[in-house]
Amino acid sequence: MGGTQLECDIEQLYRWIDEYPLTRPKKNISRDFSDAIPLAEILKHHYPKLVDLHNYAPRNSVCHKLINWQTLNRKVLSKIDLTLTNLAMEQLSNSEPGAIEKILFKVKERIEMKPVEKSPEMCFIEGLSSSLSGSIIPLKQKDGLKTLDHKIIPMDTYTNMLQEIQEKTEMVNALSNKVQHLESLLIIKDERINDLMQRIQQISSGNSSIAALRGGSKFFTKLF
């Protein structure tokens, strides 16, 4: 019974993850989340001021994945009371089965407990002249003994502003994704260059050893 409930909870957790437009398709969740980037993208939706996606680049080595987790833990998770232990971050970086699900359950619960921010109240004033379109109109409101000063704009101007903001936001997000992709390519390129340099050094060392052995064998041949 308990196992069935756990399976249902995990399936529900996977459906919850699928609601987010992650840049990486979900294939093997332990490996997909091992560099912390998908979790950073999820948290970005709910804590945009805490998460800067430029701090997290795709990683191949466990060591570099661990750096991503340490950054996310320090800059984000610790500030929403979800601090990870060093052991947990090592398990996540090594793609240990079940490790990421434990964290995601806690993150999901924390997000669902987060109070919903109320949008500012809006009022509509009918009968404004179309000639006022685009104008800022001063308005005074009586609140008990106080007179409050407000400024309002016609609805068509407000709608146009929202559309412009949305278009600019989408453009910024697209550019950010391109920059992040280029940065990840550079990191992968650097890692490959380092690997090749290490191989070259190993081959050079091996050739030097072989040359030394051959030189030694010729010396012994001359002696005998």
C-alpha atoms as a PDB file:
ATOM      1  CA  MET A   1       0.000   0.000   0.000  1.00  0.00           C
ATOM      2  CA  GLY A   2       2.793   2.375   0.933  1.00  0.00           C
ATOM      3  CA  GLY A   3       4.697   1.538  -2.252  1.00  0.00           C
ATOM      4  CA  THR A   4       1.637   2.251  -4.391  1.00  0.00           C
ATOM      5  CA  GLN A   5       1.156   5.623  -2.695  1.00  0.00           C
ATOM      6  CA  LEU A   6       4.822   6.480  -3.262  1.00  0.00           C
ATOM      7  CA  GLU A   7       4.555   5.602  -6.949  1.00  0.00           C
ATOM      8  CA  CYS A   8       1.482   7.833  -7.272  1.00  0.00           C
ATOM      9  CA  ASP A   9       3.306  10.679  -5.526  1.00  0.00           C
ATOM     10  CA  ILE A  10       6.291  10.313  -7.858  1.00  0.00           C
ATOM     11  CA  GLU A  11       4.066  10.268 -10.943  1.00  0.00           C
ATOM     12  CA  GLN A  12       2.357  13.402  -9.661  1.00  0.00           C
ATOM     13  CA  LEU A  13       5.781  14.965  -9.100  1.00  0.00           C
ATOM     14  CA  TYR A  14       6.830  14.158 -12.701  1.00  0.00           C
ATOM     15  CA  ARG A  15       3.610  15.705 -14.045  1.00  0.00           C
ATOM     16  CA  TRP A  16       4.335  18.802 -11.969  1.00  0.00           C
ATOM     17  CA  ILE A  17       7.819  19.053 -13.520  1.00  0.00           C
ATOM     18  CA  ASP A  18       6.322  18.705 -17.021  1.00  0.00           C
ATOM     19  CA  GLU A  19       4.317  21.890 -16.418  1.00  0.00           C
ATOM     20  CA  TYR A  20       7.525  23.930 -16.640  1.00  0.00           C
ATOM     21  CA  PRO A  21       9.114  24.849 -19.993  1.00  0.00           C
ATOM     22  CA  LEU A  22      12.546  23.433 -19.232  1.00  0.00           C
ATOM     23  CA  THR A  23      15.322  23.902 -21.795  1.00  0.00           C
ATOM     24  CA  ARG A  24      16.284  20.243 -21.471  1.00  0.00           C
ATOM     25  CA  PRO A  25      13.853  17.384 -22.279  1.00  0.00           C
ATOM     26  CA  LYS A  26      13.236  15.010 -19.378  1.00  0.00           C
ATOM     27  CA  LYS A  27      14.776  11.608 -20.170  1.00  0.00           C
ATOM     28  CA  ASN A  28      16.506  10.335 -17.046  1.00  0.00           C
ATOM     29  CA  ILE A  29      15.590  12.639 -14.187  1.00  0.00           C
ATOM     30  CA  SER A  30      18.621  11.781 -12.040  1.00  0.00           C
ATOM     31  CA  ARG A  31      21.046  12.645 -14.844  1.00  0.00           C
ATOM     32  CA  ASP A  32      18.966  15.528 -16.219  1.00  0.00           C
ATOM     33  CA  PHE A  33      18.982  17.351 -12.872  1.00  0.00           C
ATOM     34  CA  SER A  34      22.543  16.399 -11.899  1.00  0.00           C
ATOM     35  CA  ASP A  35      23.963  19.826 -12.822  1.00  0.00           C
ATOM     36  CA  ALA A  36      21.119  21.692 -11.012  1.00  0.00           C
ATOM     37  CA  ILE A  37      20.043  23.658 -14.108  1.00  0.00           C
ATOM     38  CA  PRO A  38      16.469  22.301 -14.460  1.00  0.00           C
ATOM     39  CA  LEU A  39      15.811  22.998 -10.772  1.00  0.00           C
ATOM     40  CA  ALA A  40      17.213  26.515 -11.176  1.00  0.00           C
ATOM     41  CA  GLU A  41      14.799  27.052 -14.093  1.00  0.00           C
ATOM     42  CA  ILE A  42      11.854  25.871 -11.987  1.00  0.00           C
ATOM     43  CA  LEU A  43      12.832  28.125  -9.106  1.00  0.00           C
ATOM     44  CA  LYS A  44      13.267  31.053 -11.512  1.00  0.00           C
ATOM     45  CA  HIS A  45       9.502  31.011 -12.147  1.00  0.00           C
ATOM     46  CA  HIS A  46       8.707  31.432  -8.454  1.00  0.00           C
ATOM     47  CA  TYR A  47      11.719  33.334  -7.116  1.00  0.00           C
ATOM     48  CA  PRO A  48      12.880  35.453 -10.081  1.00  0.00           C
ATOM     49  CA  LYS A  49      14.837  37.871  -7.897  1.00  0.00           C
ATOM     50  CA  LEU A  50      16.870  35.070  -6.305  1.00  0.00           C
ATOM     51  CA  VAL A  51      17.731  33.056  -9.402  1.00  0.00           C
ATOM     52  CA  ASP A  52      20.139  34.247 -12.076  1.00  0.00           C
ATOM     53  CA  LEU A  53      20.365  31.505 -14.697  1.00  0.00           C
ATOM     54  CA  HIS A  54      23.681  32.854 -15.973  1.00  0.00           C
ATOM     55  CA  ASN A  55      25.264  31.429 -12.803  1.00  0.00           C
ATOM     56  CA  TYR A  56      24.505  27.881 -13.961  1.00  0.00           C
ATOM     57  CA  ALA A  57      26.045  26.376 -17.090  1.00  0.00           C
ATOM     58  CA  PRO A  58      25.719  22.765 -18.325  1.00  0.00           C
ATOM     59  CA  ARG A  59      28.454  20.600 -16.814  1.00  0.00           C
ATOM     60  CA  ASN A  60      29.920  17.222 -17.666  1.00  0.00           C
ATOM     61  CA  SER A  61      32.251  16.479 -14.783  1.00  0.00           C
ATOM     62  CA  VAL A  62      30.958  15.681 -11.303  1.00  0.00           C
ATOM     63  CA  CYS A  63      33.239  18.336  -9.831  1.00  0.00           C
ATOM     64  CA  HIS A  64      31.724  21.102 -11.948  1.00  0.00           C
ATOM     65  CA  LYS A  65      28.187  19.832 -11.321  1.00  0.00           C
ATOM     66  CA  LEU A  66      28.877  20.075  -7.615  1.00  0.00           C
ATOM     67  CA  ILE A  67      29.877  23.732  -8.069  1.00  0.00           C
ATOM     68  CA  ASN A  68      26.457  24.423  -9.638  1.00  0.00           C
ATOM     69  CA  TRP A  69      24.704  22.795  -6.683  1.00  0.00           C
ATOM     70  CA  GLN A  70      26.795  24.741  -4.195  1.00  0.00           C
ATOM     71  CA  THR A  71      25.911  27.992  -5.972  1.00  0.00           C
ATOM     72  CA  LEU A  72      22.195  27.165  -6.056  1.00  0.00           C
ATOM     73  CA  ASN A  73      22.304  26.090  -2.417  1.00  0.00           C
ATOM     74  CA  ARG A  74      24.021  29.297  -1.302  1.00  0.00           C
ATOM     75  CA  LYS A  75      22.137  31.806  -3.445  1.00  0.00           C
ATOM     76  CA  VAL A  76      18.632  30.328  -3.534  1.00  0.00           C
ATOM     77  CA  LEU A  77      17.816  27.206  -1.505  1.00  0.00           C
ATOM     78  CA  SER A  78      19.271  28.522   1.752  1.00  0.00           C
ATOM     79  CA  LYS A  79      17.127  31.649   1.418  1.00  0.00           C
ATOM     80  CA  ILE A  80      13.905  29.647   1.173  1.00  0.00           C
ATOM     81  CA  ASP A  81      14.838  27.375   4.102  1.00  0.00           C
ATOM     82  CA  LEU A  82      15.823  24.393   1.969  1.00  0.00           C
ATOM     83  CA  THR A  83      19.554  24.219   2.663  1.00  0.00           C
ATOM     84  CA  LEU A  84      21.207  21.069   1.298  1.00  0.00           C
ATOM     85  CA  THR A  85      23.910  19.092   3.082  1.00  0.00           C
ATOM     86  CA  ASN A  86      27.252  18.397   1.401  1.00  0.00           C
ATOM     87  CA  LEU A  87      26.310  14.723   1.199  1.00  0.00           C
ATOM     88  CA  ALA A  88      23.027  15.529  -0.560  1.00  0.00           C
ATOM     89  CA  MET A  89      24.809  17.750  -3.114  1.00  0.00           C
ATOM     90  CA  GLU A  90      27.377  15.009  -3.800  1.00  0.00           C
ATOM     91  CA  GLN A  91      24.590  12.477  -4.336  1.00  0.00           C
ATOM     92  CA  LEU A  92      22.794  14.849  -6.710  1.00  0.00           C
ATOM     93  CA  SER A  93      25.991  15.542  -8.674  1.00  0.00           C
ATOM     94  CA  ASN A  94      26.628  11.785  -8.994  1.00  0.00           C
ATOM     95  CA  SER A  95      23.076  11.179 -10.299  1.00  0.00           C
ATOM     96  CA  GLU A  96      22.238   8.782  -7.484  1.00  0.00           C
ATOM     97  CA  PRO A  97      18.718   7.375  -7.995  1.00  0.00           C
ATOM     98  CA  GLY A  98      16.078   8.897  -5.737  1.00  0.00           C
ATOM     99  CA  ALA A  99      18.232  11.844  -4.626  1.00  0.00           C
ATOM    100  CA  ILE A 100      16.621  14.476  -6.849  1.00  0.00           C
ATOM    101  CA  GLU A 101      13.079  13.285  -6.078  1.00  0.00           C
ATOM    102  CA  LYS A 102      13.644  13.961  -2.365  1.00  0.00           C
ATOM    103  CA  ILE A 103      14.692  17.549  -3.124  1.00  0.00           C
ATOM    104  CA  LEU A 104      11.912  18.127  -5.648  1.00  0.00           C
ATOM    105  CA  PHE A 105       9.243  16.996  -3.183  1.00  0.00           C
ATOM    106  CA  LYS A 106      10.505  19.608  -0.720  1.00  0.00           C
ATOM    107  CA  VAL A 107      10.725  22.312  -3.380  1.00  0.00           C
ATOM    108  CA  LYS A 108       7.206  21.533  -4.632  1.00  0.00           C
ATOM    109  CA  GLU A 109       5.844  21.706  -1.095  1.00  0.00           C
ATOM    110  CA  ARG A 110       7.623  25.003  -0.428  1.00  0.00           C
ATOM    111  CA  ILE A 111       6.324  26.538  -3.664  1.00  0.00           C
ATOM    112  CA  GLU A 112       2.761  25.421  -2.936  1.00  0.00           C
ATOM    113  CA  MET A 113       3.004  26.956   0.545  1.00  0.00           C
ATOM    114  CA  LYS A 114       4.253  30.255  -0.871  1.00  0.00           C
ATOM    115  CA  PRO A 115       1.607  32.980  -0.442  1.00  0.00           C
ATOM    116  CA  VAL A 116       0.087  34.184  -3.688  1.00  0.00           C
ATOM    117  CA  GLU A 117       1.040  37.740  -4.413  1.00  0.00           C
ATOM    118  CA  LYS A 118      -2.003  39.888  -4.998  1.00  0.00           C
ATOM    119  CA  SER A 119      -1.984  42.026  -8.097  1.00  0.00           C
ATOM    120  CA  PRO A 120      -2.665  45.718  -7.532  1.00  0.00           C
ATOM    121  CA  GLU A 121      -6.301  46.707  -7.675  1.00  0.00           C
ATOM    122  CA  MET A 122      -7.441  48.307 -10.896  1.00  0.00           C
ATOM    123  CA  CYS A 123     -10.367  50.548 -11.564  1.00  0.00           C
ATOM    124  CA  PHE A 124     -11.937  51.562 -14.845  1.00  0.00           C
ATOM    125  CA  ILE A 125     -13.343  54.996 -15.559  1.00  0.00           C
ATOM    126  CA  GLU A 126     -15.878  55.183 -18.354  1.00  0.00           C
ATOM    127  CA  GLY A 127     -16.513  58.206 -20.501  1.00  0.00           C
ATOM    128  CA  LEU A 128     -12.922  59.364 -21.008  1.00  0.00           C
ATOM    129  CA  SER A 129     -12.423  61.216 -24.266  1.00  0.00           C
ATOM    130  CA  SER A 130     -10.431  59.389 -26.924  1.00  0.00           C
ATOM    131  CA  SER A 131      -8.281  62.507 -27.212  1.00  0.00           C
ATOM    132  CA  LEU A 132      -6.817  61.611 -23.811  1.00  0.00           C
ATOM    133  CA  SER A 133      -5.308  58.401 -25.166  1.00  0.00           C
ATOM    134  CA  GLY A 134      -1.699  58.181 -24.072  1.00  0.00           C
ATOM    135  CA  SER A 135      -2.097  60.935 -21.491  1.00  0.00           C
ATOM    136  CA  ILE A 136      -1.456  60.673 -17.766  1.00  0.00           C
ATOM    137  CA  ILE A 137      -4.479  61.986 -15.880  1.00  0.00           C
ATOM    138  CA  PRO A 138      -4.178  63.245 -12.296  1.00  0.00           C
ATOM    139  CA  LEU A 139      -6.889  61.991  -9.946  1.00  0.00           C
ATOM    140  CA  LYS A 140      -7.694  62.845  -6.345  1.00  0.00           C
ATOM    141  CA  GLN A 141      -9.356  60.323  -4.044  1.00  0.00           C
ATOM    142  CA  LYS A 142     -10.950  61.107  -0.707  1.00  0.00           C
ATOM    143  CA  ASP A 143      -9.997  58.601   1.984  1.00  0.00           C
ATOM    144  CA  GLY A 144     -11.508  59.716   5.260  1.00  0.00           C
ATOM    145  CA  LEU A 145      -9.813  62.954   6.208  1.00  0.00           C
ATOM    146  CA  LYS A 146      -6.992  62.487   3.692  1.00  0.00           C
ATOM    147  CA  THR A 147      -6.911  63.313   0.017  1.00  0.00           C
ATOM    148  CA  LEU A 148      -4.812  60.861  -1.979  1.00  0.00           C
ATOM    149  CA  ASP A 149      -3.213  61.793  -5.278  1.00  0.00           C
ATOM    150  CA  HIS A 150      -3.257  59.186  -8.054  1.00  0.00           C
ATOM    151  CA  LYS A 151      -2.347  59.121 -11.688  1.00  0.00           C
ATOM    152  CA  ILE A 152      -4.295  57.056 -14.191  1.00  0.00           C
ATOM    153  CA  ILE A 153      -3.931  56.271 -17.876  1.00  0.00           C
ATOM    154  CA  PRO A 154      -6.584  55.209 -20.402  1.00  0.00           C
ATOM    155  CA  MET A 155      -7.126  51.469 -20.809  1.00  0.00           C
ATOM    156  CA  ASP A 156      -5.871  51.335 -24.413  1.00  0.00           C
ATOM    157  CA  THR A 157      -2.571  52.905 -23.355  1.00  0.00           C
ATOM    158  CA  TYR A 158      -2.268  50.440 -20.476  1.00  0.00           C
ATOM    159  CA  THR A 159      -2.956  47.497 -22.805  1.00  0.00           C
ATOM    160  CA  ASN A 160      -0.346  48.701 -25.297  1.00  0.00           C
ATOM    161  CA  MET A 161       2.193  49.087 -22.490  1.00  0.00           C
ATOM    162  CA  LEU A 162       1.557  45.537 -21.278  1.00  0.00           C
ATOM    163  CA  GLN A 163       1.985  44.189 -24.809  1.00  0.00           C
ATOM    164  CA  GLU A 164       5.254  46.072 -25.274  1.00  0.00           C
ATOM    165  CA  ILE A 165       6.552  44.804 -21.931  1.00  0.00           C
ATOM    166  CA  GLN A 166       5.644  41.225 -22.843  1.00  0.00           C
ATOM    167  CA  GLU A 167       7.361  41.494 -26.237  1.00  0.00           C
ATOM    168  CA  LYS A 168      10.506  42.966 -24.681  1.00  0.00           C
ATOM    169  CA  THR A 169      10.492  40.323 -21.957  1.00  0.00           C
ATOM    170  CA  GLU A 170      10.253  37.552 -24.555  1.00  0.00           C
ATOM    171  CA  MET A 171      13.095  39.146 -26.511  1.00  0.00           C
ATOM    172  CA  VAL A 172      15.265  39.386 -23.385  1.00  0.00           C
ATOM    173  CA  ASN A 173      14.508  35.762 -22.487  1.00  0.00           C
ATOM    174  CA  ALA A 174      15.403  34.625 -26.011  1.00  0.00           C
ATOM    175  CA  LEU A 175      18.694  36.512 -25.904  1.00  0.00           C
ATOM    176  CA  SER A 176      19.437  35.171 -22.418  1.00  0.00           C
ATOM    177  CA  ASN A 177      18.855  31.610 -23.615  1.00  0.00           C
ATOM    178  CA  LYS A 178      21.225  32.192 -26.550  1.00  0.00           C
ATOM    179  CA  VAL A 179      23.889  33.627 -24.266  1.00  0.00           C
ATOM    180  CA  GLN A 180      23.486  30.726 -21.853  1.00  0.00           C
ATOM    181  CA  HIS A 181      23.769  28.255 -24.745  1.00  0.00           C
ATOM    182  CA  LEU A 182      26.950  29.919 -26.024  1.00  0.00           C
ATOM    183  CA  GLU A 183      28.435  29.972 -22.525  1.00  0.00           C
ATOM    184  CA  SER A 184      27.684  26.281 -22.116  1.00  0.00           C
ATOM    185  CA  LEU A 185      29.367  25.529 -25.457  1.00  0.00           C
ATOM    186  CA  LEU A 186      32.452  27.446 -24.351  1.00  0.00           C
ATOM    187  CA  ILE A 187      32.601  25.529 -21.076  1.00  0.00           C
ATOM    188  CA  ILE A 188      32.236  22.196 -22.866  1.00  0.00           C
ATOM    189  CA  LYS A 189      34.904  23.269 -25.358  1.00  0.00           C
ATOM    190  CA  ASP A 190      37.289  24.208 -22.532  1.00  0.00           C
ATOM    191  CA  GLU A 191      36.688  20.873 -20.818  1.00  0.00           C
ATOM    192  CA  ARG A 192      37.431  18.992 -24.060  1.00  0.00           C
ATOM    193  CA  ILE A 193      40.589  21.034 -24.621  1.00  0.00           C
ATOM    194  CA  ASN A 194      41.741  20.187 -21.084  1.00  0.00           C
ATOM    195  CA  ASP A 195      41.030  16.506 -21.684  1.00  0.00           C
ATOM    196  CA  LEU A 196      43.015  16.562 -24.940  1.00  0.00           C
ATOM    197  CA  MET A 197      45.919  18.358 -23.279  1.00  0.00           C
ATOM    198  CA  GLN A 198      46.023  15.714 -20.555  1.00  0.00           C
ATOM    199  CA  ARG A 199      46.018  12.956 -23.178  1.00  0.00           C
ATOM    200  CA  ILE A 200      48.828  14.672 -25.106  1.00  0.00           C
ATOM    201  CA  GLN A 201      50.870  14.924 -21.919  1.00  0.00           C
ATOM    202  CA  GLN A 202      50.261  11.256 -21.161  1.00  0.00           C
ATOM    203  CA  ILE A 203      51.288  10.251 -24.704  1.00  0.00           C
ATOM    204  CA  SER A 204      54.401  12.457 -24.496  1.00  0.00           C
ATOM    205  CA  SER A 205      55.347  10.918 -21.166  1.00  0.00           C
ATOM    206  CA  GLY A 206      54.844   7.445 -22.592  1.00  0.00           C
ATOM    207  CA  ASN A 207      56.981   8.215 -25.643  1.00  0.00           C
ATOM    208  CA  SER A 208      59.752   9.606 -23.437  1.00  0.00           C
ATOM    209  CA  SER A 209      59.738   6.432 -21.345  1.00  0.00           C
ATOM    210  CA  ILE A 210      59.900   4.247 -24.446  1.00  0.00           C
ATOM    211  CA  ALA A 211      62.768   6.317 -25.865  1.00  0.00           C
ATOM    212  CA  ALA A 212      64.662   6.022 -22.587  1.00  0.00           C
ATOM    213  CA  LEU A 213      64.196   2.245 -22.546  1.00  0.00           C
ATOM    214  CA  ARG A 214      65.415   1.945 -26.122  1.00  0.00           C
ATOM    215  CA  GLY A 215      68.462   4.085 -25.342  1.00  0.00           C
ATOM    216  CA  GLY A 216      69.219   1.903 -22.360  1.00  0.00           C
ATOM    217  CA  SER A 217      68.943  -1.294 -24.405  1.00  0.00           C
ATOM    218  CA  LYS A 218      71.456   0.019 -27.004  1.00  0.00           C
ATOM    219  CA  PHE A 219      73.879   0.894 -24.194  1.00  0.00           C
ATOM    220  CA  PHE A 220      73.694  -2.641 -22.803  1.00  0.00           C
ATOM    221  CA  THR A 221      74.133  -4.079 -26.304  1.00  0.00           C
ATOM    222  CA  LYS A 222      77.384  -2.178 -26.761  1.00  0.00           C
ATOM    223  CA  LEU A 223      78.659  -3.380 -23.393  1.00  0.00           C
ATOM    224  CA  PHE A 224      78.040  -6.974 -24.261  1.00  0.00           C
END
